[in-house]
Amino acid sequence: MTDPTPSPVDSVADLCRLYDPLLDGGAVPAAALEELGALARIFDLDATGEPALVWKNVRAVVTRQPTADPSDVEPSEVLTLLIVEDDADTAADLIAVLSEAGHRAVGPFQNVAAAEVAAALHPVDVALLDINLADDSSGIDLARSLKDRWGVPSIFLSGDVTAAARHADLAEALVSKPYTGREVLAALGRITA
């Protein structure tokens, strides 16, 4: 008898191993189908079709190889963005792309406590959040707090697609790591359009 609960999914390759059987008429556990719907919604895709079609669309998003330069994306408006990322190089690269596109960055912050203080002191339009932070705090908890206390929408910037799918109601979008600046700017454009 097989376990009805899917194994943890930590990468795009794991996602493909879990859901690719759908493309050949195979089955996946019911819990995985629920998470597939959440993944589709977080990528702003239709989650109501046949599971194989939903996976085909999600797969195209998570496995794509973008080629455009971040400077090709024009911001629809200047945004103040809360940045929570515990990797210093990733945070620096992200802030450079956002600044080049004309946005203002608050941060980067490496933990939830510092980010919550900053959110209380600065008007923030959107939060860009890593899910798994170095001090064992969670971008998910921060997204919930920002949404409940200040109505700030969040975008998850993470490779933890399982956690993102389980908490899709807390984020407007997921940009999977490793990501490009263009992908982050495109997600910002979608949620502010």
C-alpha atoms as a PDB file:
ATOM      1  CA  MET A   1       0.000   0.000   0.000  1.00  0.00           C
ATOM      2  CA  THR A   2       1.363   3.422  -0.879  1.00  0.00           C
ATOM      3  CA  ASP A   3       1.513   6.365   1.458  1.00  0.00           C
ATOM      4  CA  PRO A   4      -1.195   8.932   0.506  1.00  0.00           C
ATOM      5  CA  THR A   5       1.000  11.811   1.654  1.00  0.00           C
ATOM      6  CA  PRO A   6       3.502  13.137  -0.894  1.00  0.00           C
ATOM      7  CA  SER A   7       7.190  13.233  -0.036  1.00  0.00           C
ATOM      8  CA  PRO A   8       8.692  16.632   0.778  1.00  0.00           C
ATOM      9  CA  VAL A   9       9.406  18.667  -2.341  1.00  0.00           C
ATOM     10  CA  ASP A  10      12.498  20.834  -2.100  1.00  0.00           C
ATOM     11  CA  SER A  11      13.354  21.537  -5.729  1.00  0.00           C
ATOM     12  CA  VAL A  12      11.960  21.835  -9.225  1.00  0.00           C
ATOM     13  CA  ALA A  13      13.388  18.371  -9.957  1.00  0.00           C
ATOM     14  CA  ASP A  14      11.373  16.956  -7.026  1.00  0.00           C
ATOM     15  CA  LEU A  15       8.245  18.648  -8.385  1.00  0.00           C
ATOM     16  CA  CYS A  16       8.827  17.096 -11.794  1.00  0.00           C
ATOM     17  CA  ARG A  17       9.337  13.631 -10.272  1.00  0.00           C
ATOM     18  CA  LEU A  18       6.107  14.011  -8.298  1.00  0.00           C
ATOM     19  CA  TYR A  19       3.830  15.437 -11.000  1.00  0.00           C
ATOM     20  CA  ASP A  20       5.269  14.251 -14.346  1.00  0.00           C
ATOM     21  CA  PRO A  21       3.335  10.945 -14.091  1.00  0.00           C
ATOM     22  CA  LEU A  22       0.190  13.029 -14.684  1.00  0.00           C
ATOM     23  CA  LEU A  23       1.446  13.796 -18.192  1.00  0.00           C
ATOM     24  CA  ASP A  24       1.387  10.070 -19.034  1.00  0.00           C
ATOM     25  CA  GLY A  25      -2.043   9.422 -17.496  1.00  0.00           C
ATOM     26  CA  GLY A  26      -0.612   8.377 -14.125  1.00  0.00           C
ATOM     27  CA  ALA A  27      -1.869   9.334 -10.697  1.00  0.00           C
ATOM     28  CA  VAL A  28      -0.483  11.261  -7.745  1.00  0.00           C
ATOM     29  CA  PRO A  29      -1.677  11.344  -4.120  1.00  0.00           C
ATOM     30  CA  ALA A  30      -4.749  13.491  -3.393  1.00  0.00           C
ATOM     31  CA  ALA A  31      -2.728  15.771  -1.103  1.00  0.00           C
ATOM     32  CA  ALA A  32      -0.317  16.416  -3.976  1.00  0.00           C
ATOM     33  CA  LEU A  33      -3.234  17.404  -6.226  1.00  0.00           C
ATOM     34  CA  GLU A  34      -4.368  19.970  -3.648  1.00  0.00           C
ATOM     35  CA  GLU A  35      -0.856  21.412  -3.529  1.00  0.00           C
ATOM     36  CA  LEU A  36      -0.753  21.454  -7.337  1.00  0.00           C
ATOM     37  CA  GLY A  37      -3.844  23.664  -7.322  1.00  0.00           C
ATOM     38  CA  ALA A  38      -2.210  25.974  -4.803  1.00  0.00           C
ATOM     39  CA  LEU A  39       0.949  26.129  -6.930  1.00  0.00           C
ATOM     40  CA  ALA A  40      -1.104  27.049  -9.993  1.00  0.00           C
ATOM     41  CA  ARG A  41      -2.873  29.842  -8.098  1.00  0.00           C
ATOM     42  CA  ILE A  42       0.345  31.265  -6.692  1.00  0.00           C
ATOM     43  CA  PHE A  43       1.730  31.485 -10.242  1.00  0.00           C
ATOM     44  CA  ASP A  44      -1.539  33.117 -11.335  1.00  0.00           C
ATOM     45  CA  LEU A  45      -2.511  30.099 -13.478  1.00  0.00           C
ATOM     46  CA  ASP A  46      -5.886  28.369 -13.889  1.00  0.00           C
ATOM     47  CA  ALA A  47      -6.133  25.647 -11.242  1.00  0.00           C
ATOM     48  CA  THR A  48      -9.573  24.354 -12.253  1.00  0.00           C
ATOM     49  CA  GLY A  49      -8.723  22.139 -15.244  1.00  0.00           C
ATOM     50  CA  GLU A  50      -7.641  18.545 -15.495  1.00  0.00           C
ATOM     51  CA  PRO A  51      -4.605  17.897 -13.240  1.00  0.00           C
ATOM     52  CA  ALA A  52      -2.412  16.982 -16.237  1.00  0.00           C
ATOM     53  CA  LEU A  53      -3.147  20.337 -17.894  1.00  0.00           C
ATOM     54  CA  VAL A  54      -2.662  22.241 -14.636  1.00  0.00           C
ATOM     55  CA  TRP A  55       0.725  20.517 -14.139  1.00  0.00           C
ATOM     56  CA  LYS A  56       1.717  21.173 -17.761  1.00  0.00           C
ATOM     57  CA  ASN A  57       1.134  24.908 -17.203  1.00  0.00           C
ATOM     58  CA  VAL A  58       2.843  24.977 -13.791  1.00  0.00           C
ATOM     59  CA  ARG A  59       5.757  22.937 -15.165  1.00  0.00           C
ATOM     60  CA  ALA A  60       6.250  25.466 -17.959  1.00  0.00           C
ATOM     61  CA  VAL A  61       6.541  28.236 -15.357  1.00  0.00           C
ATOM     62  CA  VAL A  62       8.848  26.491 -12.889  1.00  0.00           C
ATOM     63  CA  THR A  63      11.230  25.088 -15.499  1.00  0.00           C
ATOM     64  CA  ARG A  64      11.472  28.084 -17.826  1.00  0.00           C
ATOM     65  CA  GLN A  65      14.798  29.677 -18.579  1.00  0.00           C
ATOM     66  CA  PRO A  66      14.238  33.449 -18.878  1.00  0.00           C
ATOM     67  CA  THR A  67      16.555  35.290 -21.229  1.00  0.00           C
ATOM     68  CA  ALA A  68      15.511  38.920 -20.951  1.00  0.00           C
ATOM     69  CA  ASP A  69      17.447  41.520 -19.021  1.00  0.00           C
ATOM     70  CA  PRO A  70      15.848  43.056 -15.871  1.00  0.00           C
ATOM     71  CA  SER A  71      16.202  46.515 -17.386  1.00  0.00           C
ATOM     72  CA  ASP A  72      13.703  45.461 -20.097  1.00  0.00           C
ATOM     73  CA  VAL A  73      10.883  45.566 -17.531  1.00  0.00           C
ATOM     74  CA  GLU A  74       9.455  49.004 -16.852  1.00  0.00           C
ATOM     75  CA  PRO A  75       7.836  49.477 -13.441  1.00  0.00           C
ATOM     76  CA  SER A  76       4.192  50.478 -13.611  1.00  0.00           C
ATOM     77  CA  GLU A  77       4.749  52.612 -10.535  1.00  0.00           C
ATOM     78  CA  VAL A  78       7.481  53.269  -8.004  1.00  0.00           C
ATOM     79  CA  LEU A  79       7.026  50.895  -5.073  1.00  0.00           C
ATOM     80  CA  THR A  80       8.480  50.742  -1.588  1.00  0.00           C
ATOM     81  CA  LEU A  81       9.523  47.128  -1.095  1.00  0.00           C
ATOM     82  CA  LEU A  82      10.378  45.352   2.144  1.00  0.00           C
ATOM     83  CA  ILE A  83      13.230  42.914   1.454  1.00  0.00           C
ATOM     84  CA  VAL A  84      13.699  39.914   3.761  1.00  0.00           C
ATOM     85  CA  GLU A  85      16.527  37.678   2.566  1.00  0.00           C
ATOM     86  CA  ASP A  86      19.200  36.079   4.754  1.00  0.00           C
ATOM     87  CA  ASP A  87      21.741  35.538   1.966  1.00  0.00           C
ATOM     88  CA  ALA A  88      23.742  38.766   1.687  1.00  0.00           C
ATOM     89  CA  ASP A  89      24.771  38.296  -1.967  1.00  0.00           C
ATOM     90  CA  THR A  90      21.241  37.440  -3.091  1.00  0.00           C
ATOM     91  CA  ALA A  91      19.869  40.437  -1.179  1.00  0.00           C
ATOM     92  CA  ALA A  92      22.452  42.801  -2.685  1.00  0.00           C
ATOM     93  CA  ASP A  93      21.718  41.589  -6.218  1.00  0.00           C
ATOM     94  CA  LEU A  94      17.975  41.909  -5.661  1.00  0.00           C
ATOM     95  CA  ILE A  95      18.251  45.448  -4.300  1.00  0.00           C
ATOM     96  CA  ALA A  96      20.441  46.465  -7.247  1.00  0.00           C
ATOM     97  CA  VAL A  97      17.829  45.196  -9.730  1.00  0.00           C
ATOM     98  CA  LEU A  98      14.954  46.844  -7.866  1.00  0.00           C
ATOM     99  CA  SER A  99      16.802  50.162  -7.568  1.00  0.00           C
ATOM    100  CA  GLU A 100      17.739  50.084 -11.258  1.00  0.00           C
ATOM    101  CA  ALA A 101      14.037  49.605 -12.045  1.00  0.00           C
ATOM    102  CA  GLY A 102      13.196  52.687  -9.961  1.00  0.00           C
ATOM    103  CA  HIS A 103      11.826  51.047  -6.804  1.00  0.00           C
ATOM    104  CA  ARG A 104      12.755  51.862  -3.193  1.00  0.00           C
ATOM    105  CA  ALA A 105      14.025  49.065  -0.945  1.00  0.00           C
ATOM    106  CA  VAL A 106      13.581  48.853   2.815  1.00  0.00           C
ATOM    107  CA  GLY A 107      16.110  46.352   4.057  1.00  0.00           C
ATOM    108  CA  PRO A 108      17.416  43.792   3.528  1.00  0.00           C
ATOM    109  CA  PHE A 109      16.493  42.128   6.783  1.00  0.00           C
ATOM    110  CA  GLN A 110      17.641  38.682   7.804  1.00  0.00           C
ATOM    111  CA  ASN A 111      14.972  37.907  10.371  1.00  0.00           C
ATOM    112  CA  VAL A 112      11.292  38.407  11.046  1.00  0.00           C
ATOM    113  CA  ALA A 113      11.665  40.605  14.135  1.00  0.00           C
ATOM    114  CA  ALA A 114      13.733  43.275  12.366  1.00  0.00           C
ATOM    115  CA  ALA A 115      11.441  43.213   9.337  1.00  0.00           C
ATOM    116  CA  GLU A 116       8.326  43.676  11.491  1.00  0.00           C
ATOM    117  CA  VAL A 117       9.880  46.723  13.162  1.00  0.00           C
ATOM    118  CA  ALA A 118      10.737  48.179   9.748  1.00  0.00           C
ATOM    119  CA  ALA A 119       7.190  47.541   8.490  1.00  0.00           C
ATOM    120  CA  ALA A 120       5.825  49.414  11.493  1.00  0.00           C
ATOM    121  CA  LEU A 121       8.077  52.401  10.737  1.00  0.00           C
ATOM    122  CA  HIS A 122       7.854  52.586   6.920  1.00  0.00           C
ATOM    123  CA  PRO A 123       4.883  52.532   4.577  1.00  0.00           C
ATOM    124  CA  VAL A 124       5.503  49.402   2.497  1.00  0.00           C
ATOM    125  CA  ASP A 125       3.718  48.543  -0.750  1.00  0.00           C
ATOM    126  CA  VAL A 126       4.897  44.936  -1.156  1.00  0.00           C
ATOM    127  CA  ALA A 127       7.116  42.563   0.826  1.00  0.00           C
ATOM    128  CA  LEU A 128       9.604  40.284  -0.947  1.00  0.00           C
ATOM    129  CA  LEU A 129      10.185  37.385   1.433  1.00  0.00           C
ATOM    130  CA  ASP A 130      12.448  34.386   1.577  1.00  0.00           C
ATOM    131  CA  ILE A 131      10.551  31.597   3.349  1.00  0.00           C
ATOM    132  CA  ASN A 132      13.336  29.802   5.219  1.00  0.00           C
ATOM    133  CA  LEU A 133      15.528  32.231   7.097  1.00  0.00           C
ATOM    134  CA  ALA A 134      18.868  31.469   8.791  1.00  0.00           C
ATOM    135  CA  ASP A 135      17.657  32.082  12.348  1.00  0.00           C
ATOM    136  CA  ASP A 136      14.868  29.485  11.924  1.00  0.00           C
ATOM    137  CA  SER A 137      12.296  32.245  11.592  1.00  0.00           C
ATOM    138  CA  SER A 138       9.826  31.984   8.761  1.00  0.00           C
ATOM    139  CA  GLY A 139       8.863  34.277   5.940  1.00  0.00           C
ATOM    140  CA  ILE A 140       5.452  32.603   6.143  1.00  0.00           C
ATOM    141  CA  ASP A 141       4.894  33.948   9.655  1.00  0.00           C
ATOM    142  CA  LEU A 142       6.032  37.375   8.489  1.00  0.00           C
ATOM    143  CA  ALA A 143       3.689  37.301   5.473  1.00  0.00           C
ATOM    144  CA  ARG A 144       0.787  36.495   7.805  1.00  0.00           C
ATOM    145  CA  SER A 145       1.729  39.332  10.165  1.00  0.00           C
ATOM    146  CA  LEU A 146       2.192  41.873   7.372  1.00  0.00           C
ATOM    147  CA  LYS A 147      -1.140  40.940   5.819  1.00  0.00           C
ATOM    148  CA  ASP A 148      -3.084  40.955   9.098  1.00  0.00           C
ATOM    149  CA  ARG A 149      -1.552  44.054  10.678  1.00  0.00           C
ATOM    150  CA  TRP A 150      -0.923  46.392   7.738  1.00  0.00           C
ATOM    151  CA  GLY A 151      -2.558  44.808   4.702  1.00  0.00           C
ATOM    152  CA  VAL A 152       0.836  44.478   2.988  1.00  0.00           C
ATOM    153  CA  PRO A 153       0.880  41.892   0.180  1.00  0.00           C
ATOM    154  CA  SER A 154       3.842  39.529  -0.082  1.00  0.00           C
ATOM    155  CA  ILE A 155       5.729  37.716  -2.805  1.00  0.00           C
ATOM    156  CA  PHE A 156       7.621  34.606  -1.734  1.00  0.00           C
ATOM    157  CA  LEU A 157      11.161  34.395  -3.156  1.00  0.00           C
ATOM    158  CA  SER A 158      12.044  30.824  -2.288  1.00  0.00           C
ATOM    159  CA  GLY A 159      13.001  27.402  -3.497  1.00  0.00           C
ATOM    160  CA  ASP A 160      10.661  25.862  -0.926  1.00  0.00           C
ATOM    161  CA  VAL A 161       7.740  25.389  -3.286  1.00  0.00           C
ATOM    162  CA  THR A 162       5.943  23.024  -0.918  1.00  0.00           C
ATOM    163  CA  ALA A 163       5.776  25.603   1.870  1.00  0.00           C
ATOM    164  CA  ALA A 164       4.777  28.272  -0.644  1.00  0.00           C
ATOM    165  CA  ALA A 165       1.958  26.095  -1.964  1.00  0.00           C
ATOM    166  CA  ARG A 166       0.698  25.248   1.516  1.00  0.00           C
ATOM    167  CA  HIS A 167       0.562  28.942   2.355  1.00  0.00           C
ATOM    168  CA  ALA A 168      -0.513  30.291  -1.029  1.00  0.00           C
ATOM    169  CA  ASP A 169      -3.224  32.359   0.657  1.00  0.00           C
ATOM    170  CA  LEU A 170      -0.507  34.505   2.261  1.00  0.00           C
ATOM    171  CA  ALA A 171       1.331  35.495  -0.920  1.00  0.00           C
ATOM    172  CA  GLU A 172       0.338  37.088  -4.172  1.00  0.00           C
ATOM    173  CA  ALA A 173       3.030  35.213  -6.088  1.00  0.00           C
ATOM    174  CA  LEU A 174       5.987  32.867  -5.809  1.00  0.00           C
ATOM    175  CA  VAL A 175       9.250  33.477  -7.591  1.00  0.00           C
ATOM    176  CA  SER A 176      11.265  30.263  -7.358  1.00  0.00           C
ATOM    177  CA  LYS A 177      14.944  30.291  -6.487  1.00  0.00           C
ATOM    178  CA  PRO A 178      17.181  30.562  -8.283  1.00  0.00           C
ATOM    179  CA  TYR A 179      15.413  33.523  -9.850  1.00  0.00           C
ATOM    180  CA  THR A 180      16.325  36.408 -12.083  1.00  0.00           C
ATOM    181  CA  GLY A 181      15.638  40.072 -11.501  1.00  0.00           C
ATOM    182  CA  ARG A 182      13.300  40.013 -14.484  1.00  0.00           C
ATOM    183  CA  GLU A 183      11.140  37.357 -12.802  1.00  0.00           C
ATOM    184  CA  VAL A 184      10.850  39.435  -9.633  1.00  0.00           C
ATOM    185  CA  LEU A 185       9.970  42.572 -11.602  1.00  0.00           C
ATOM    186  CA  ALA A 186       7.409  40.633 -13.646  1.00  0.00           C
ATOM    187  CA  ALA A 187       5.752  39.330 -10.453  1.00  0.00           C
ATOM    188  CA  LEU A 188       5.636  42.872  -9.068  1.00  0.00           C
ATOM    189  CA  GLY A 189       4.085  44.056 -12.305  1.00  0.00           C
ATOM    190  CA  ARG A 190       1.411  41.357 -12.164  1.00  0.00           C
ATOM    191  CA  ILE A 191       0.303  42.089  -8.629  1.00  0.00           C
ATOM    192  CA  THR A 192       0.301  45.868  -9.013  1.00  0.00           C
ATOM    193  CA  ALA A 193      -1.426  45.911 -12.422  1.00  0.00           C
END
